[in-house]
Full PDB file with SEQRES, HELIX, SHEET, SSBOND, CRYST1, ORIGX, SCALE, CONECT and MASTER records, all heavy atoms in Angstrom:
SEQRES   1 A   35  GLY LYS LEU GLY TRP VAL GLN GLN ILE ALA ALA LYS PRO          
SEQRES   2 A   35  ASP SER VAL ASP ALA GLU ASP THR GLN MET TYR ALA VAL          
SEQRES   3 A   35  GLY ALA PHE LEU LEU THR GLY SER GLU                          
HELIX    1 AA1 MET A   23  SER A   34  1                                  12    
CRYST1    1.000    1.000    1.000  90.00  90.00  90.00 P 1           1          
ORIGX1      1.000000  0.000000  0.000000        0.00000                         
ORIGX2      0.000000  1.000000  0.000000        0.00000                         
ORIGX3      0.000000  0.000000  1.000000        0.00000                         
SCALE1      1.000000  0.000000  0.000000        0.00000                         
SCALE2      0.000000  1.000000  0.000000        0.00000                         
SCALE3      0.000000  0.000000  1.000000        0.00000                         
ATOM      1  N   GLY A   1       8.929   7.023   7.335  1.00  0.00           N  
ATOM      2  CA  GLY A   1       9.152   6.008   6.366  1.00  0.00           C  
ATOM      3  C   GLY A   1       7.998   5.086   6.136  1.00  0.00           C  
ATOM      4  O   GLY A   1       7.974   4.261   5.225  1.00  0.00           O  
ATOM      5  N   LYS A   2       6.941   5.265   6.887  1.00  0.00           N  
ATOM      6  CA  LYS A   2       5.729   4.469   6.716  1.00  0.00           C  
ATOM      7  C   LYS A   2       4.961   4.908   5.478  1.00  0.00           C  
ATOM      8  O   LYS A   2       4.753   6.017   5.229  1.00  0.00           O  
ATOM      9  CB  LYS A   2       4.862   4.679   7.935  1.00  0.00           C  
ATOM     10  CG  LYS A   2       3.455   3.959   7.824  1.00  0.00           C  
ATOM     11  CD  LYS A   2       2.601   4.242   9.059  1.00  0.00           C  
ATOM     12  CE  LYS A   2       1.245   3.590   8.949  1.00  0.00           C  
ATOM     13  NZ  LYS A   2       0.420   3.932  10.146  1.00  0.00           N  
ATOM     14  N   LEU A   3       4.650   3.950   4.631  1.00  0.00           N  
ATOM     15  CA  LEU A   3       3.903   4.142   3.381  1.00  0.00           C  
ATOM     16  C   LEU A   3       2.455   4.044   3.679  1.00  0.00           C  
ATOM     17  O   LEU A   3       1.922   3.000   4.079  1.00  0.00           O  
ATOM     18  CB  LEU A   3       4.248   3.158   2.324  1.00  0.00           C  
ATOM     19  CG  LEU A   3       3.509   3.182   1.010  1.00  0.00           C  
ATOM     20  CD1 LEU A   3       3.749   4.542   0.332  1.00  0.00           C  
ATOM     21  CD2 LEU A   3       3.890   2.023   0.082  1.00  0.00           C  
ATOM     22  N   GLY A   4       1.701   5.182   3.539  1.00  0.00           N  
ATOM     23  CA  GLY A   4       0.318   5.242   3.885  1.00  0.00           C  
ATOM     24  C   GLY A   4      -0.579   5.071   2.650  1.00  0.00           C  
ATOM     25  O   GLY A   4      -0.192   4.840   1.604  1.00  0.00           O  
ATOM     26  N   TRP A   5      -1.899   5.308   2.917  1.00  0.00           N  
ATOM     27  CA  TRP A   5      -2.948   5.270   1.864  1.00  0.00           C  
ATOM     28  C   TRP A   5      -2.982   3.892   1.180  1.00  0.00           C  
ATOM     29  O   TRP A   5      -3.084   3.820  -0.054  1.00  0.00           O  
ATOM     30  CB  TRP A   5      -2.783   6.368   0.851  1.00  0.00           C  
ATOM     31  CG  TRP A   5      -3.055   7.743   1.418  1.00  0.00           C  
ATOM     32  CD1 TRP A   5      -2.147   8.732   1.767  1.00  0.00           C  
ATOM     33  CD2 TRP A   5      -4.333   8.298   1.755  1.00  0.00           C  
ATOM     34  NE1 TRP A   5      -2.731   9.802   2.232  1.00  0.00           N  
ATOM     35  CE2 TRP A   5      -4.111   9.634   2.255  1.00  0.00           C  
ATOM     36  CE3 TRP A   5      -5.692   7.801   1.670  1.00  0.00           C  
ATOM     37  CZ2 TRP A   5      -5.185  10.435   2.698  1.00  0.00           C  
ATOM     38  CZ3 TRP A   5      -6.653   8.567   2.081  1.00  0.00           C  
ATOM     39  CH2 TRP A   5      -6.426   9.883   2.579  1.00  0.00           C  
ATOM     40  N   VAL A   6      -2.779   2.806   1.905  1.00  0.00           N  
ATOM     41  CA  VAL A   6      -2.841   1.436   1.348  1.00  0.00           C  
ATOM     42  C   VAL A   6      -4.177   0.805   1.632  1.00  0.00           C  
ATOM     43  O   VAL A   6      -4.539   0.641   2.860  1.00  0.00           O  
ATOM     44  CB  VAL A   6      -1.720   0.600   1.897  1.00  0.00           C  
ATOM     45  CG1 VAL A   6      -1.724  -0.756   1.232  1.00  0.00           C  
ATOM     46  CG2 VAL A   6      -0.346   1.217   1.732  1.00  0.00           C  
ATOM     47  N   GLN A   7      -4.968   0.455   0.652  1.00  0.00           N  
ATOM     48  CA  GLN A   7      -6.158  -0.310   0.879  1.00  0.00           C  
ATOM     49  C   GLN A   7      -5.728  -1.633   1.538  1.00  0.00           C  
ATOM     50  O   GLN A   7      -4.821  -2.321   1.071  1.00  0.00           O  
ATOM     51  CB  GLN A   7      -6.952  -0.600  -0.438  1.00  0.00           C  
ATOM     52  CG  GLN A   7      -8.321  -1.178  -0.121  1.00  0.00           C  
ATOM     53  CD  GLN A   7      -9.063  -1.503  -1.360  1.00  0.00           C  
ATOM     54  OE1 GLN A   7      -8.838  -1.033  -2.451  1.00  0.00           O  
ATOM     55  NE2 GLN A   7      -9.936  -2.524  -1.259  1.00  0.00           N  
ATOM     56  N   GLN A   8      -6.479  -1.981   2.566  1.00  0.00           N  
ATOM     57  CA  GLN A   8      -6.235  -3.262   3.283  1.00  0.00           C  
ATOM     58  C   GLN A   8      -6.567  -4.554   2.411  1.00  0.00           C  
ATOM     59  O   GLN A   8      -7.150  -4.375   1.349  1.00  0.00           O  
ATOM     60  CB  GLN A   8      -6.868  -3.275   4.603  1.00  0.00           C  
ATOM     61  CG  GLN A   8      -6.368  -2.133   5.577  1.00  0.00           C  
ATOM     62  CD  GLN A   8      -4.907  -2.251   5.836  1.00  0.00           C  
ATOM     63  OE1 GLN A   8      -4.453  -3.124   6.570  1.00  0.00           O  
ATOM     64  NE2 GLN A   8      -4.151  -1.373   5.292  1.00  0.00           N  
ATOM     65  N   ILE A   9      -6.253  -5.676   2.922  1.00  0.00           N  
ATOM     66  CA  ILE A   9      -6.449  -6.919   2.238  1.00  0.00           C  
ATOM     67  C   ILE A   9      -7.986  -7.034   1.882  1.00  0.00           C  
ATOM     68  O   ILE A   9      -8.771  -6.867   2.728  1.00  0.00           O  
ATOM     69  CB  ILE A   9      -6.054  -8.125   3.161  1.00  0.00           C  
ATOM     70  CG1 ILE A   9      -4.588  -8.102   3.339  1.00  0.00           C  
ATOM     71  CG2 ILE A   9      -6.492  -9.402   2.472  1.00  0.00           C  
ATOM     72  CD1 ILE A   9      -4.063  -9.114   4.388  1.00  0.00           C  
ATOM     73  N   ALA A  10      -8.235  -7.237   0.613  1.00  0.00           N  
ATOM     74  CA  ALA A  10      -9.646  -7.185   0.142  1.00  0.00           C  
ATOM     75  C   ALA A  10      -9.695  -7.926  -1.222  1.00  0.00           C  
ATOM     76  O   ALA A  10      -8.641  -8.458  -1.730  1.00  0.00           O  
ATOM     77  CB  ALA A  10     -10.105  -5.832   0.009  1.00  0.00           C  
ATOM     78  N   ALA A  11     -10.799  -7.806  -1.855  1.00  0.00           N  
ATOM     79  CA  ALA A  11     -10.955  -8.390  -3.210  1.00  0.00           C  
ATOM     80  C   ALA A  11     -11.701  -7.429  -4.100  1.00  0.00           C  
ATOM     81  O   ALA A  11     -12.065  -7.771  -5.293  1.00  0.00           O  
ATOM     82  CB  ALA A  11     -11.775  -9.679  -3.208  1.00  0.00           C  
ATOM     83  N   LYS A  12     -11.969  -6.216  -3.663  1.00  0.00           N  
ATOM     84  CA  LYS A  12     -12.724  -5.255  -4.379  1.00  0.00           C  
ATOM     85  C   LYS A  12     -12.417  -3.824  -3.937  1.00  0.00           C  
ATOM     86  O   LYS A  12     -11.807  -3.627  -2.870  1.00  0.00           O  
ATOM     87  CB  LYS A  12     -14.264  -5.530  -4.289  1.00  0.00           C  
ATOM     88  CG  LYS A  12     -14.778  -5.369  -2.883  1.00  0.00           C  
ATOM     89  CD  LYS A  12     -16.236  -5.693  -2.751  1.00  0.00           C  
ATOM     90  CE  LYS A  12     -16.719  -5.602  -1.303  1.00  0.00           C  
ATOM     91  NZ  LYS A  12     -18.212  -5.948  -1.222  1.00  0.00           N  
ATOM     92  N   PRO A  13     -12.812  -2.768  -4.616  1.00  0.00           N  
ATOM     93  CA  PRO A  13     -12.565  -1.421  -4.206  1.00  0.00           C  
ATOM     94  C   PRO A  13     -13.211  -1.205  -2.804  1.00  0.00           C  
ATOM     95  O   PRO A  13     -14.304  -1.639  -2.572  1.00  0.00           O  
ATOM     96  CB  PRO A  13     -13.217  -0.583  -5.297  1.00  0.00           C  
ATOM     97  CG  PRO A  13     -13.317  -1.450  -6.497  1.00  0.00           C  
ATOM     98  CD  PRO A  13     -13.500  -2.863  -5.936  1.00  0.00           C  
ATOM     99  N   ASP A  14     -12.483  -0.418  -2.023  1.00  0.00           N  
ATOM    100  CA  ASP A  14     -12.970  -0.101  -0.705  1.00  0.00           C  
ATOM    101  C   ASP A  14     -12.341   1.206  -0.229  1.00  0.00           C  
ATOM    102  O   ASP A  14     -11.419   1.723  -0.858  1.00  0.00           O  
ATOM    103  CB  ASP A  14     -12.732  -1.288   0.310  1.00  0.00           C  
ATOM    104  CG  ASP A  14     -13.715  -1.225   1.454  1.00  0.00           C  
ATOM    105  OD1 ASP A  14     -14.377  -0.230   1.666  1.00  0.00           O  
ATOM    106  OD2 ASP A  14     -13.823  -2.236   2.138  1.00  0.00           O  
ATOM    107  N   SER A  15     -12.722   1.645   1.001  1.00  0.00           N  
ATOM    108  CA  SER A  15     -12.169   2.926   1.507  1.00  0.00           C  
ATOM    109  C   SER A  15     -10.774   2.740   1.931  1.00  0.00           C  
ATOM    110  O   SER A  15     -10.279   1.608   2.258  1.00  0.00           O  
ATOM    111  CB  SER A  15     -12.989   3.389   2.672  1.00  0.00           C  
ATOM    112  OG  SER A  15     -13.113   2.439   3.711  1.00  0.00           O  
ATOM    113  N   VAL A  16     -10.053   3.891   2.073  1.00  0.00           N  
ATOM    114  CA  VAL A  16      -8.615   3.898   2.413  1.00  0.00           C  
ATOM    115  C   VAL A  16      -8.390   5.140   3.351  1.00  0.00           C  
ATOM    116  O   VAL A  16      -9.061   6.143   3.157  1.00  0.00           O  
ATOM    117  CB  VAL A  16      -7.712   4.025   1.196  1.00  0.00           C  
ATOM    118  CG1 VAL A  16      -6.202   3.761   1.594  1.00  0.00           C  
ATOM    119  CG2 VAL A  16      -8.169   3.041   0.059  1.00  0.00           C  
ATOM    120  N   ASP A  17      -7.469   4.935   4.250  1.00  0.00           N  
ATOM    121  CA  ASP A  17      -7.104   6.067   5.185  1.00  0.00           C  
ATOM    122  C   ASP A  17      -5.607   6.385   5.049  1.00  0.00           C  
ATOM    123  O   ASP A  17      -4.820   5.518   4.748  1.00  0.00           O  
ATOM    124  CB  ASP A  17      -7.440   5.693   6.621  1.00  0.00           C  
ATOM    125  CG  ASP A  17      -7.247   6.789   7.554  1.00  0.00           C  
ATOM    126  OD1 ASP A  17      -8.121   7.613   7.760  1.00  0.00           O  
ATOM    127  OD2 ASP A  17      -6.148   6.872   8.142  1.00  0.00           O  
ATOM    128  N   ALA A  18      -5.207   7.567   5.337  1.00  0.00           N  
ATOM    129  CA  ALA A  18      -3.829   8.007   5.296  1.00  0.00           C  
ATOM    130  C   ALA A  18      -2.927   7.092   6.142  1.00  0.00           C  
ATOM    131  O   ALA A  18      -1.712   6.902   5.835  1.00  0.00           O  
ATOM    132  CB  ALA A  18      -3.649   9.447   5.704  1.00  0.00           C  
ATOM    133  N   GLU A  19      -3.430   6.536   7.216  1.00  0.00           N  
ATOM    134  CA  GLU A  19      -2.646   5.751   8.214  1.00  0.00           C  
ATOM    135  C   GLU A  19      -2.542   4.303   7.730  1.00  0.00           C  
ATOM    136  O   GLU A  19      -1.785   3.542   8.345  1.00  0.00           O  
ATOM    137  CB  GLU A  19      -3.170   5.901   9.586  1.00  0.00           C  
ATOM    138  CG  GLU A  19      -3.035   7.231  10.180  1.00  0.00           C  
ATOM    139  CD  GLU A  19      -1.549   7.633  10.289  1.00  0.00           C  
ATOM    140  OE1 GLU A  19      -0.747   6.827  10.715  1.00  0.00           O  
ATOM    141  OE2 GLU A  19      -1.217   8.832   9.878  1.00  0.00           O  
ATOM    142  N   ASP A  20      -3.345   3.853   6.805  1.00  0.00           N  
ATOM    143  CA  ASP A  20      -3.398   2.469   6.364  1.00  0.00           C  
ATOM    144  C   ASP A  20      -2.085   2.086   5.649  1.00  0.00           C  
ATOM    145  O   ASP A  20      -1.646   2.776   4.720  1.00  0.00           O  
ATOM    146  CB  ASP A  20      -4.544   2.141   5.498  1.00  0.00           C  
ATOM    147  CG  ASP A  20      -5.869   2.247   6.214  1.00  0.00           C  
ATOM    148  OD1 ASP A  20      -5.851   2.095   7.440  1.00  0.00           O  
ATOM    149  OD2 ASP A  20      -6.862   2.458   5.517  1.00  0.00           O  
ATOM    150  N   THR A  21      -1.460   1.033   6.028  1.00  0.00           N  
ATOM    151  CA  THR A  21      -0.267   0.554   5.361  1.00  0.00           C  
ATOM    152  C   THR A  21      -0.357  -1.006   5.272  1.00  0.00           C  
ATOM    153  O   THR A  21      -1.149  -1.644   5.952  1.00  0.00           O  
ATOM    154  CB  THR A  21       1.011   0.987   6.096  1.00  0.00           C  
ATOM    155  OG1 THR A  21       2.158   0.761   5.261  1.00  0.00           O  
ATOM    156  CG2 THR A  21       1.202   0.215   7.424  1.00  0.00           C  
ATOM    157  N   GLN A  22       0.491  -1.544   4.455  1.00  0.00           N  
ATOM    158  CA  GLN A  22       0.612  -3.033   4.336  1.00  0.00           C  
ATOM    159  C   GLN A  22       1.912  -3.342   3.590  1.00  0.00           C  
ATOM    160  O   GLN A  22       2.433  -2.529   2.776  1.00  0.00           O  
ATOM    161  CB  GLN A  22      -0.575  -3.593   3.522  1.00  0.00           C  
ATOM    162  CG  GLN A  22      -1.645  -4.214   4.398  1.00  0.00           C  
ATOM    163  CD  GLN A  22      -1.177  -5.439   5.149  1.00  0.00           C  
ATOM    164  OE1 GLN A  22      -0.059  -5.876   4.945  1.00  0.00           O  
ATOM    165  NE2 GLN A  22      -2.052  -6.045   5.908  1.00  0.00           N  
ATOM    166  N   MET A  23       2.363  -4.537   3.823  1.00  0.00           N  
ATOM    167  CA  MET A  23       3.662  -5.019   3.279  1.00  0.00           C  
ATOM    168  C   MET A  23       3.660  -5.082   1.815  1.00  0.00           C  
ATOM    169  O   MET A  23       4.702  -4.829   1.119  1.00  0.00           O  
ATOM    170  CB  MET A  23       4.066  -6.276   3.884  1.00  0.00           C  
ATOM    171  CG  MET A  23       4.434  -6.235   5.356  1.00  0.00           C  
ATOM    172  SD  MET A  23       5.236  -7.765   5.997  1.00  0.00           S  
ATOM    173  CE  MET A  23       3.761  -8.783   6.079  1.00  0.00           C  
ATOM    174  N   TYR A  24       2.513  -5.553   1.170  1.00  0.00           N  
ATOM    175  CA  TYR A  24       2.525  -5.740  -0.227  1.00  0.00           C  
ATOM    176  C   TYR A  24       2.666  -4.414  -0.959  1.00  0.00           C  
ATOM    177  O   TYR A  24       3.282  -4.323  -2.083  1.00  0.00           O  
ATOM    178  CB  TYR A  24       1.264  -6.505  -0.738  1.00  0.00           C  
ATOM    179  CG  TYR A  24       0.008  -5.971  -0.117  1.00  0.00           C  
ATOM    180  CD1 TYR A  24      -0.659  -4.733  -0.565  1.00  0.00           C  
ATOM    181  CD2 TYR A  24      -0.668  -6.683   0.869  1.00  0.00           C  
ATOM    182  CE1 TYR A  24      -1.868  -4.338   0.042  1.00  0.00           C  
ATOM    183  CE2 TYR A  24      -1.851  -6.279   1.488  1.00  0.00           C  
ATOM    184  CZ  TYR A  24      -2.426  -5.079   0.966  1.00  0.00           C  
ATOM    185  OH  TYR A  24      -3.604  -4.652   1.545  1.00  0.00           O  
ATOM    186  N   ALA A  25       2.221  -3.296  -0.386  1.00  0.00           N  
ATOM    187  CA  ALA A  25       2.394  -1.984  -0.966  1.00  0.00           C  
ATOM    188  C   ALA A  25       3.847  -1.540  -0.884  1.00  0.00           C  
ATOM    189  O   ALA A  25       4.352  -0.911  -1.805  1.00  0.00           O  
ATOM    190  CB  ALA A  25       1.466  -0.940  -0.265  1.00  0.00           C  
ATOM    191  N   VAL A  26       4.496  -1.887   0.218  1.00  0.00           N  
ATOM    192  CA  VAL A  26       5.927  -1.562   0.337  1.00  0.00           C  
ATOM    193  C   VAL A  26       6.760  -2.346  -0.737  1.00  0.00           C  
ATOM    194  O   VAL A  26       7.655  -1.761  -1.417  1.00  0.00           O  
ATOM    195  CB  VAL A  26       6.430  -1.950   1.752  1.00  0.00           C  
ATOM    196  CG1 VAL A  26       7.934  -1.847   1.813  1.00  0.00           C  
ATOM    197  CG2 VAL A  26       5.760  -1.048   2.796  1.00  0.00           C  
ATOM    198  N   GLY A  27       6.351  -3.590  -0.941  1.00  0.00           N  
ATOM    199  CA  GLY A  27       7.054  -4.392  -2.022  1.00  0.00           C  
ATOM    200  C   GLY A  27       6.827  -3.745  -3.343  1.00  0.00           C  
ATOM    201  O   GLY A  27       7.781  -3.561  -4.190  1.00  0.00           O  
ATOM    202  N   ALA A  28       5.593  -3.251  -3.701  1.00  0.00           N  
ATOM    203  CA  ALA A  28       5.336  -2.604  -4.939  1.00  0.00           C  
ATOM    204  C   ALA A  28       6.093  -1.266  -5.056  1.00  0.00           C  
ATOM    205  O   ALA A  28       6.580  -0.933  -6.164  1.00  0.00           O  
ATOM    206  CB  ALA A  28       3.825  -2.404  -5.127  1.00  0.00           C  
ATOM    207  N   PHE A  29       6.165  -0.511  -3.957  1.00  0.00           N  
ATOM    208  CA  PHE A  29       6.950   0.779  -3.940  1.00  0.00           C  
ATOM    209  C   PHE A  29       8.385   0.515  -4.263  1.00  0.00           C  
ATOM    210  O   PHE A  29       9.025   1.215  -5.092  1.00  0.00           O  
ATOM    211  CB  PHE A  29       6.769   1.453  -2.551  1.00  0.00           C  
ATOM    212  CG  PHE A  29       7.452   2.729  -2.457  1.00  0.00           C  
ATOM    213  CD1 PHE A  29       6.771   3.917  -2.610  1.00  0.00           C  
ATOM    214  CD2 PHE A  29       8.768   2.804  -2.119  1.00  0.00           C  
ATOM    215  CE1 PHE A  29       7.392   5.182  -2.525  1.00  0.00           C  
ATOM    216  CE2 PHE A  29       9.472   4.084  -1.998  1.00  0.00           C  
ATOM    217  CZ  PHE A  29       8.736   5.214  -2.173  1.00  0.00           C  
ATOM    218  N   LEU A  30       8.945  -0.526  -3.695  1.00  0.00           N  
ATOM    219  CA  LEU A  30      10.383  -0.853  -3.941  1.00  0.00           C  
ATOM    220  C   LEU A  30      10.568  -1.434  -5.358  1.00  0.00           C  
ATOM    221  O   LEU A  30      11.638  -1.173  -5.949  1.00  0.00           O  
ATOM    222  CB  LEU A  30      10.876  -1.872  -2.876  1.00  0.00           C  
ATOM    223  CG  LEU A  30      10.885  -1.365  -1.489  1.00  0.00           C  
ATOM    224  CD1 LEU A  30      11.275  -2.447  -0.504  1.00  0.00           C  
ATOM    225  CD2 LEU A  30      11.798  -0.145  -1.297  1.00  0.00           C  
ATOM    226  N   LEU A  31       9.661  -2.114  -5.872  1.00  0.00           N  
ATOM    227  CA  LEU A  31       9.726  -2.509  -7.288  1.00  0.00           C  
ATOM    228  C   LEU A  31       9.785  -1.308  -8.146  1.00  0.00           C  
ATOM    229  O   LEU A  31      10.612  -1.215  -9.112  1.00  0.00           O  
ATOM    230  CB  LEU A  31       8.520  -3.395  -7.619  1.00  0.00           C  
ATOM    231  CG  LEU A  31       8.577  -4.849  -7.308  1.00  0.00           C  
ATOM    232  CD1 LEU A  31       7.154  -5.462  -7.622  1.00  0.00           C  
ATOM    233  CD2 LEU A  31       9.593  -5.602  -8.174  1.00  0.00           C  
ATOM    234  N   THR A  32       8.884  -0.380  -7.924  1.00  0.00           N  
ATOM    235  CA  THR A  32       8.816   0.839  -8.764  1.00  0.00           C  
ATOM    236  C   THR A  32      10.120   1.540  -8.665  1.00  0.00           C  
ATOM    237  O   THR A  32      10.690   2.019  -9.722  1.00  0.00           O  
ATOM    238  CB  THR A  32       7.628   1.725  -8.323  1.00  0.00           C  
ATOM    239  OG1 THR A  32       6.416   1.007  -8.451  1.00  0.00           O  
ATOM    240  CG2 THR A  32       7.607   2.981  -9.185  1.00  0.00           C  
ATOM    241  N   GLY A  33      10.587   1.817  -7.484  1.00  0.00           N  
ATOM    242  CA  GLY A  33      11.779   2.535  -7.324  1.00  0.00           C  
ATOM    243  C   GLY A  33      13.018   1.951  -7.938  1.00  0.00           C  
ATOM    244  O   GLY A  33      13.886   2.579  -8.511  1.00  0.00           O  
ATOM    245  N   SER A  34      13.123   0.559  -7.889  1.00  0.00           N  
ATOM    246  CA  SER A  34      14.228  -0.096  -8.451  1.00  0.00           C  
ATOM    247  C   SER A  34      14.308   0.045  -9.980  1.00  0.00           C  
ATOM    248  O   SER A  34      15.351   0.202 -10.571  1.00  0.00           O  
ATOM    249  CB  SER A  34      14.183  -1.629  -8.088  1.00  0.00           C  
ATOM    250  OG  SER A  34      13.090  -2.236  -8.657  1.00  0.00           O  
ATOM    251  N   GLU A  35      13.099   0.009 -10.608  1.00  0.00           N  
ATOM    252  CA  GLU A  35      13.025   0.243 -12.032  1.00  0.00           C  
ATOM    253  C   GLU A  35      13.326   1.654 -12.360  1.00  0.00           C  
ATOM    254  O   GLU A  35      14.045   1.965 -13.401  1.00  0.00           O  
ATOM    255  CB  GLU A  35      11.664  -0.210 -12.576  1.00  0.00           C  
ATOM    256  CG  GLU A  35      11.444  -1.701 -12.616  1.00  0.00           C  
ATOM    257  CD  GLU A  35      12.373  -2.423 -13.528  1.00  0.00           C  
ATOM    258  OE1 GLU A  35      12.530  -2.004 -14.682  1.00  0.00           O  
ATOM    259  OE2 GLU A  35      12.954  -3.418 -13.083  1.00  0.00           O  
TER     260      GLU A  35                                                      
MASTER        0    0    0    1    0    0    0    6  259    1    0    3          
END                                                                             
């Protein structure tokens, strides 16, 4: 259930890894799913 490929806290484009996750991405995933 872990959502991966999340760029970490930043202010510009940067690298991402399959294991990277963050809460704001989970929130956005749930927003999308609800709509």
